[in-house]
Amino acid sequence: MFCKNCGKEIDDSAVVCPNCGVATEKMAASAPVQPMSNTLATVGFILSFFFSVIGLIVCIMGLKRSKEPAYAGNGKTLAIAGIIISSIGTVFYVIYLCIIIAGLGVALA
């Protein structure tokens, strides 16, 4: 067989041309591309249970990363779940702070 890039004759079982280093059709057909793992989405989801604001930020970053072609949507669902959990946790935290501040205001008056 001949290399599609440099035109030199190469072995029929070659996956890469030894002359120019370009992948042959065999390599393209035999090596499916695995999407990368989205660790930001996983870490953000876990953080959303303990540190809601930090988890929210990391989940948003994970969701943005899941849209990149190298990740092929990996972690999108986990990031969205983390965003929802973090948002609910943040709302409860703000309500709790308002109750504490209102209670201090009543106690001081």
Protein backbone atom coordinates (compact mmCIF):
# COMPACT_ATOMS: atom_id res chain seq x y z
CA MET A 1 0.00 0.00 0.00
CA PHE A 2 1.07 3.60 -0.50
CA CYS A 3 0.94 6.46 2.02
CA LYS A 4 -1.83 8.95 1.26
CA ASN A 5 0.36 11.80 2.50
CA CYS A 6 3.88 11.26 1.12
CA GLY A 7 3.16 8.61 -1.53
CA LYS A 8 5.89 6.20 -0.40
CA GLU A 9 5.26 2.48 -0.33
CA ILE A 10 4.58 1.13 3.17
CA ASP A 11 3.75 -2.24 4.68
CA ASP A 12 0.11 -3.29 4.38
CA SER A 13 -0.15 -3.84 8.14
CA ALA A 14 1.27 -0.41 9.06
CA VAL A 15 -0.91 1.88 11.13
CA VAL A 16 1.42 4.86 10.74
CA CYS A 17 3.67 5.72 7.80
CA PRO A 18 7.31 5.20 8.86
CA ASN A 19 8.40 7.99 6.50
CA CYS A 20 6.11 10.88 7.41
CA GLY A 21 4.25 9.65 10.52
CA VAL A 22 0.73 10.17 9.17
CA ALA A 23 -1.91 7.65 10.27
CA THR A 24 -3.07 5.18 7.66
CA GLU A 25 -6.66 4.13 6.97
CA LYS A 26 -6.09 1.09 9.20
CA MET A 27 -5.47 3.29 12.22
CA ALA A 28 -8.50 5.46 11.53
CA ALA A 29 -10.73 2.39 11.23
CA SER A 30 -9.30 0.44 14.15
CA ALA A 31 -8.94 3.11 16.81
CA PRO A 32 -12.23 4.66 17.88
CA VAL A 33 -11.77 7.93 19.74
CA GLN A 34 -12.73 7.74 23.40
CA PRO A 35 -14.23 10.93 24.80
CA MET A 36 -12.37 12.36 27.77
CA SER A 37 -13.73 12.07 31.30
CA ASN A 38 -15.19 15.27 32.73
CA THR A 39 -13.77 15.37 36.25
CA LEU A 40 -14.97 18.92 36.85
CA ALA A 41 -18.58 17.79 36.61
CA THR A 42 -17.96 14.93 39.05
CA VAL A 43 -16.09 17.09 41.56
CA GLY A 44 -18.68 19.86 41.26
CA PHE A 45 -21.50 17.40 41.89
CA ILE A 46 -19.84 16.13 45.06
CA LEU A 47 -19.02 19.66 46.26
CA SER A 48 -22.61 20.74 45.71
CA PHE A 49 -23.67 18.71 48.76
CA PHE A 50 -21.12 20.25 51.13
CA PHE A 51 -20.09 23.66 49.75
CA SER A 52 -22.95 24.82 47.57
CA VAL A 53 -21.43 28.02 46.17
CA ILE A 54 -18.12 26.35 45.27
CA GLY A 55 -20.01 23.36 43.87
CA LEU A 56 -22.14 25.68 41.76
CA ILE A 57 -19.07 27.35 40.24
CA VAL A 58 -17.32 24.03 39.52
CA CYS A 59 -20.49 22.51 38.04
CA ILE A 60 -20.90 25.48 35.69
CA MET A 61 -17.29 25.00 34.59
CA GLY A 62 -17.98 21.25 34.11
CA LEU A 63 -21.07 22.01 32.04
CA LYS A 64 -19.08 24.36 29.84
CA ARG A 65 -16.36 21.73 29.43
CA SER A 66 -18.92 19.06 28.46
CA LYS A 67 -19.75 21.12 25.37
CA GLU A 68 -16.18 20.83 24.05
CA PRO A 69 -15.72 18.23 21.27
CA ALA A 70 -13.05 16.29 23.21
CA TYR A 71 -15.55 15.53 25.99
CA ALA A 72 -18.50 14.67 23.71
CA GLY A 73 -21.09 15.63 26.31
CA ASN A 74 -19.55 13.58 29.14
CA GLY A 75 -20.63 14.92 32.51
CA LYS A 76 -23.40 17.15 31.18
CA THR A 77 -26.15 15.46 33.20
CA LEU A 78 -24.01 15.32 36.33
CA ALA A 79 -23.12 19.01 35.99
CA ILE A 80 -26.77 20.00 35.56
CA ALA A 81 -27.76 17.95 38.61
CA GLY A 82 -24.96 19.61 40.59
CA ILE A 83 -26.12 23.06 39.47
CA ILE A 84 -29.65 22.32 40.65
CA ILE A 85 -28.51 20.91 44.00
CA SER A 86 -26.07 23.78 44.53
CA SER A 87 -28.71 26.37 43.68
CA ILE A 88 -31.17 24.88 46.16
CA GLY A 89 -28.45 24.70 48.82
CA THR A 90 -27.47 28.31 48.21
CA VAL A 91 -31.09 29.48 48.51
CA PHE A 92 -31.46 27.63 51.83
CA TYR A 93 -28.17 29.11 53.02
CA VAL A 94 -29.34 32.67 52.20
CA ILE A 95 -32.69 32.07 53.92
CA TYR A 96 -30.85 30.71 56.96
CA LEU A 97 -28.60 33.78 57.07
CA CYS A 98 -31.63 36.09 56.83
CA ILE A 99 -33.29 34.29 59.74
CA ILE A 100 -30.11 34.56 61.82
CA ILE A 101 -29.70 38.27 61.05
CA ALA A 102 -33.39 38.94 61.78
CA GLY A 103 -33.07 37.01 65.04
CA LEU A 104 -30.04 39.06 66.06
CA GLY A 105 -31.89 42.24 65.24
CA VAL A 106 -34.82 41.23 67.45
CA ALA A 107 -32.52 40.11 70.27
CA LEU A 108 -30.61 43.41 70.24
CA ALA A 109 -33.74 45.56 70.17
